[in-house]
Amino acid sequence: MASVFTRIRPDAVCVGFERSRARARAIAQTHATLPERLRGSTRIRTRRRSNRHCLRRFKSCRSRFLGASETIDAKIAMEDAKIATADAKIATADAKIAMEDAKIAMEDANIAIDRRARPSPSTLAMSVTSSFTSVKSLTTKANVYFDGKCVSHAFVTATGEEKTAGVVLGANTELTFGTSRAERMECVAGKCEYRLANSTAWVGVSPGESFEIAKDSKFDIRVEREFHYVCHYA
């Protein structure tokens, strides 16, 4: 099959080229024969076209620049929003830490108030009760608690007061007692430390000192060696 280019004659191509050159020479000669006034007008029109072209390019560049500037501003605003969110989270965390610190401070204050309000053993100090000369009745069977770590005998005085005399045995012993009525524990020999219910502080007592326990409550006792006591019931 014959190519398309085989149908184009070389002489026709040369003729077309010559015609284009002739047309260009004619346009140049015509422009040279124009008066100066008209040639100047042609230059002005050319400048105007050039100026309009430059103005269009300027507007296009300005539009692209403004669009890029708005994009950058939007990105900056997004970053500022992220920073503000992070600052808000940090402020929230700081507020939580401050609340925890306030709770700890309140707990410390409550502990200090509890310690000040608790009767000190020294305020309940009295002479050591070594014996009772007037006893109305005495239970001969001993009360044994905590597998023999605490043993006591109950008795009633001549005036009708109910009491128990007992001992806590063992080294480094810690026991928890419950109360069905108010009582006062008096140390008559040895030493112990006690801790009342709803308290975290241990308080030591020595012979001649005592401490009080409320009704329907609990208290802890710990001893390093034998601790002899008399329990006075309300």
Protein backbone atom coordinates (compact mmCIF):
# COMPACT_ATOMS: atom_id res chain seq x y z
CA MET A 1 0.00 0.00 0.00
CA ALA A 2 1.42 3.36 -1.02
CA SER A 3 2.39 5.77 1.76
CA VAL A 4 0.67 9.09 2.20
CA PHE A 5 3.96 10.90 1.60
CA THR A 6 4.27 9.40 -1.89
CA ARG A 7 1.23 11.41 -2.98
CA ILE A 8 2.91 14.74 -2.05
CA ARG A 9 5.04 16.10 -4.87
CA PRO A 10 8.34 17.69 -3.95
CA ASP A 11 7.76 20.56 -6.35
CA ALA A 12 4.47 21.38 -4.56
CA VAL A 13 6.28 21.62 -1.23
CA CYS A 14 8.82 24.01 -2.75
CA VAL A 15 6.08 26.14 -4.25
CA GLY A 16 4.31 26.43 -0.91
CA PHE A 17 7.50 27.48 0.84
CA GLU A 18 8.22 30.13 -1.80
CA ARG A 19 4.70 31.50 -1.47
CA SER A 20 5.16 31.92 2.29
CA ARG A 21 8.41 33.78 1.80
CA ALA A 22 6.83 36.02 -0.83
CA ARG A 23 3.92 36.82 1.46
CA ALA A 24 6.31 37.78 4.29
CA ARG A 25 8.32 40.08 1.96
CA ALA A 26 5.12 41.76 0.79
CA ILE A 27 3.99 42.42 4.34
CA ALA A 28 7.39 43.93 5.19
CA GLN A 29 7.38 46.18 2.09
CA THR A 30 3.83 47.34 2.84
CA HIS A 31 4.76 48.22 6.43
CA ALA A 32 7.81 50.16 5.18
CA THR A 33 5.64 52.27 2.85
CA LEU A 34 3.23 53.27 5.66
CA PRO A 35 3.46 56.81 7.03
CA GLU A 36 5.26 57.33 10.32
CA ARG A 37 1.99 58.10 12.05
CA LEU A 38 0.43 54.80 11.11
CA ARG A 39 3.54 52.87 11.89
CA GLY A 40 3.59 54.43 15.34
CA SER A 41 -0.04 53.45 15.84
CA THR A 42 0.86 49.91 14.90
CA ARG A 43 3.60 49.91 17.52
CA ILE A 44 1.19 51.32 20.10
CA ARG A 45 -1.32 48.59 19.32
CA THR A 46 1.47 46.05 19.63
CA ARG A 47 2.49 47.51 23.00
CA ARG A 48 -1.13 47.46 24.17
CA ARG A 49 -1.45 43.83 23.20
CA SER A 50 1.81 43.14 24.98
CA ASN A 51 0.65 45.06 28.05
CA ARG A 52 -2.65 43.19 28.12
CA HIS A 53 -0.75 39.93 27.85
CA CYS A 54 1.54 40.95 30.75
CA LEU A 55 -1.47 42.04 32.79
CA ARG A 56 -3.16 38.69 32.23
CA ARG A 57 0.03 36.89 33.27
CA PHE A 58 0.32 39.12 36.36
CA LYS A 59 -3.28 38.42 37.34
CA SER A 60 -2.73 34.71 36.83
CA CYS A 61 0.45 34.74 38.96
CA ARG A 62 -1.25 36.83 41.63
CA SER A 63 -4.18 34.39 41.73
CA ARG A 64 -1.82 31.44 42.11
CA PHE A 65 0.14 33.27 44.81
CA LEU A 66 -3.00 34.22 46.70
CA GLY A 67 -4.25 30.64 46.46
CA ALA A 68 -0.93 29.31 47.78
CA SER A 69 -0.98 31.95 50.54
CA GLU A 70 -4.49 30.94 51.59
CA THR A 71 -3.41 27.28 51.64
CA ILE A 72 -0.44 28.13 53.85
CA ASP A 73 -2.66 30.18 56.17
CA ALA A 74 -5.08 27.25 56.42
CA LYS A 75 -2.23 24.89 57.29
CA ILE A 76 -0.93 27.32 59.92
CA ALA A 77 -4.44 27.61 61.39
CA MET A 78 -4.66 23.80 61.55
CA GLU A 79 -1.30 23.58 63.32
CA ASP A 80 -2.41 26.29 65.76
CA ALA A 81 -5.59 24.30 66.45
CA LYS A 82 -3.53 21.17 67.10
CA ILE A 83 -1.26 23.08 69.49
CA ALA A 84 -4.29 24.53 71.28
CA THR A 85 -5.77 21.03 71.64
CA ALA A 86 -2.48 19.72 73.06
CA ASP A 87 -2.34 22.66 75.48
CA ALA A 88 -5.90 21.90 76.60
CA LYS A 89 -4.97 18.25 77.23
CA ILE A 90 -1.93 19.32 79.25
CA ALA A 91 -4.08 21.74 81.25
CA THR A 92 -6.58 18.95 81.95
CA ALA A 93 -3.80 16.64 83.11
CA ASP A 94 -2.40 19.39 85.35
CA ALA A 95 -5.87 19.92 86.82
CA LYS A 96 -6.19 16.19 87.57
CA ILE A 97 -2.76 16.18 89.23
CA ALA A 98 -3.75 19.22 91.28
CA MET A 99 -6.95 17.46 92.38
CA GLU A 100 -4.98 14.37 93.41
CA ASP A 101 -2.55 16.56 95.35
CA ALA A 102 -5.49 18.26 97.06
CA LYS A 103 -6.97 14.86 98.02
CA ILE A 104 -3.63 13.73 99.44
CA ALA A 105 -3.33 16.98 101.37
CA MET A 106 -6.85 16.53 102.78
CA GLU A 107 -6.05 12.95 103.82
CA ASP A 108 -2.87 14.13 105.54
CA ALA A 109 -4.85 16.87 107.29
CA ASN A 110 -7.48 14.36 108.44
CA ILE A 111 -4.76 12.06 109.78
CA ALA A 112 -3.19 14.97 111.66
CA ILE A 113 -6.58 15.98 113.09
CA ASP A 114 -7.26 12.38 114.09
CA ARG A 115 -3.94 12.19 115.90
CA ARG A 116 -4.58 15.44 117.73
CA ALA A 117 -8.14 14.43 118.66
CA ARG A 118 -7.16 10.99 119.90
CA PRO A 119 -6.64 10.94 123.65
CA SER A 120 -3.00 10.61 124.46
CA PRO A 121 -2.01 7.82 126.84
CA SER A 122 -0.36 10.37 129.07
CA THR A 123 -3.70 12.09 129.66
CA LEU A 124 -5.09 8.78 130.93
CA ALA A 125 -2.10 8.02 133.12
CA MET A 126 -2.79 6.87 136.65
CA SER A 127 -1.23 4.70 139.30
CA VAL A 128 -0.74 1.06 138.37
CA THR A 129 -3.51 -1.25 139.61
CA SER A 130 -1.51 -4.06 141.17
CA SER A 131 -4.41 -5.82 142.94
CA PHE A 132 -8.10 -5.67 143.91
CA THR A 133 -8.83 -6.15 147.61
CA SER A 134 -12.60 -6.20 147.33
CA VAL A 135 -13.77 -8.76 144.78
CA LYS A 136 -17.35 -9.93 144.86
CA SER A 137 -16.92 -12.82 142.42
CA LEU A 138 -14.25 -14.31 140.17
CA THR A 139 -14.67 -16.65 137.23
CA THR A 140 -12.11 -19.39 137.67
CA LYS A 141 -12.28 -20.59 134.09
CA ALA A 142 -9.97 -18.50 131.95
CA ASN A 143 -10.95 -16.84 128.69
CA VAL A 144 -8.50 -18.05 126.05
CA TYR A 145 -8.25 -16.18 122.74
CA PHE A 146 -6.13 -16.51 119.59
CA ASP A 147 -4.86 -20.03 120.30
CA GLY A 148 -3.65 -19.11 123.77
CA LYS A 149 -1.95 -15.84 122.84
CA CYS A 150 -4.36 -13.95 125.08
CA VAL A 151 -5.69 -15.28 128.40
CA SER A 152 -7.90 -13.43 130.90
CA HIS A 153 -10.14 -13.92 133.95
CA ALA A 154 -13.40 -12.01 134.50
CA PHE A 155 -14.39 -10.73 137.94
CA VAL A 156 -16.79 -8.34 139.62
CA THR A 157 -15.72 -5.90 142.32
CA ALA A 158 -17.59 -5.30 145.55
CA THR A 159 -19.08 -2.17 144.00
CA GLY A 160 -20.46 -4.17 141.06
CA GLU A 161 -17.93 -3.13 138.43
CA GLU A 162 -17.15 -5.77 135.79
CA LYS A 163 -13.51 -6.18 134.82
CA THR A 164 -11.09 -8.66 133.31
CA ALA A 165 -7.44 -9.20 134.15
CA GLY A 166 -5.38 -10.81 131.43
CA VAL A 167 -2.10 -11.15 129.57
CA VAL A 168 -1.05 -11.16 125.93
CA LEU A 169 1.73 -13.69 125.36
CA GLY A 170 4.33 -14.22 122.68
CA ALA A 171 7.05 -12.21 121.00
CA ASN A 172 6.09 -9.82 118.21
CA THR A 173 2.41 -10.68 118.52
CA GLU A 174 -0.28 -8.64 116.79
CA LEU A 175 -3.96 -9.23 117.61
CA THR A 176 -7.29 -7.62 116.71
CA PHE A 177 -10.03 -7.31 119.35
CA GLY A 178 -13.69 -6.36 119.01
CA THR A 179 -15.80 -4.57 121.62
CA SER A 180 -19.47 -5.03 122.41
CA ARG A 181 -19.44 -2.14 124.89
CA ALA A 182 -17.15 0.72 125.74
CA GLU A 183 -14.04 -0.21 127.70
CA ARG A 184 -10.75 1.11 128.98
CA MET A 185 -7.57 -0.95 128.64
CA GLU A 186 -5.06 -0.35 131.44
CA CYS A 187 -1.45 -1.48 131.15
CA VAL A 188 -0.25 -2.96 134.47
CA ALA A 189 3.00 -4.59 133.26
CA GLY A 190 4.98 -4.74 130.05
CA LYS A 191 4.33 -2.52 127.04
CA CYS A 192 2.13 -2.56 123.96
CA GLU A 193 1.14 -0.49 120.97
CA TYR A 194 -2.47 -0.05 119.95
CA ARG A 195 -4.27 1.21 116.85
CA LEU A 196 -7.89 2.26 116.97
CA ALA A 197 -10.42 1.64 114.21
CA ASN A 198 -10.32 4.08 111.26
CA SER A 199 -6.79 5.08 112.20
CA THR A 200 -3.38 4.29 110.77
CA ALA A 201 -1.23 5.45 113.70
CA TRP A 202 0.18 3.13 116.36
CA VAL A 203 0.37 4.56 119.91
CA GLY A 204 2.47 3.05 122.68
CA VAL A 205 1.40 2.62 126.31
CA SER A 206 3.42 1.74 129.41
CA PRO A 207 2.46 0.60 132.94
CA GLY A 208 0.07 3.08 134.57
CA GLU A 209 -1.24 4.31 131.18
CA SER A 210 -4.48 3.31 129.47
CA PHE A 211 -6.57 3.97 126.39
CA GLU A 212 -10.29 3.90 125.67
CA ILE A 213 -12.24 2.05 122.98
CA ALA A 214 -15.77 2.88 121.84
CA LYS A 215 -18.69 0.47 121.82
CA ASP A 216 -19.04 -1.88 118.83
CA SER A 217 -15.60 -1.05 117.57
CA LYS A 218 -12.26 -2.75 116.94
CA PHE A 219 -8.66 -2.13 117.87
CA ASP A 220 -5.30 -3.74 117.20
CA ILE A 221 -2.62 -4.57 119.76
CA ARG A 222 0.96 -5.59 119.12
CA VAL A 223 3.53 -6.55 121.73
CA GLU A 224 7.18 -7.52 121.76
CA ARG A 225 6.90 -9.49 125.00
CA GLU A 226 4.29 -10.22 127.69
CA PHE A 227 1.72 -7.50 128.15
CA HIS A 228 -0.44 -7.55 131.34
CA TYR A 229 -3.64 -5.56 131.41
CA VAL A 230 -6.88 -4.87 133.22
CA CYS A 231 -9.95 -4.15 131.13
CA HIS A 232 -12.46 -1.80 132.74
CA TYR A 233 -15.97 -2.03 131.22
CA ALA A 234 -18.34 0.91 131.09
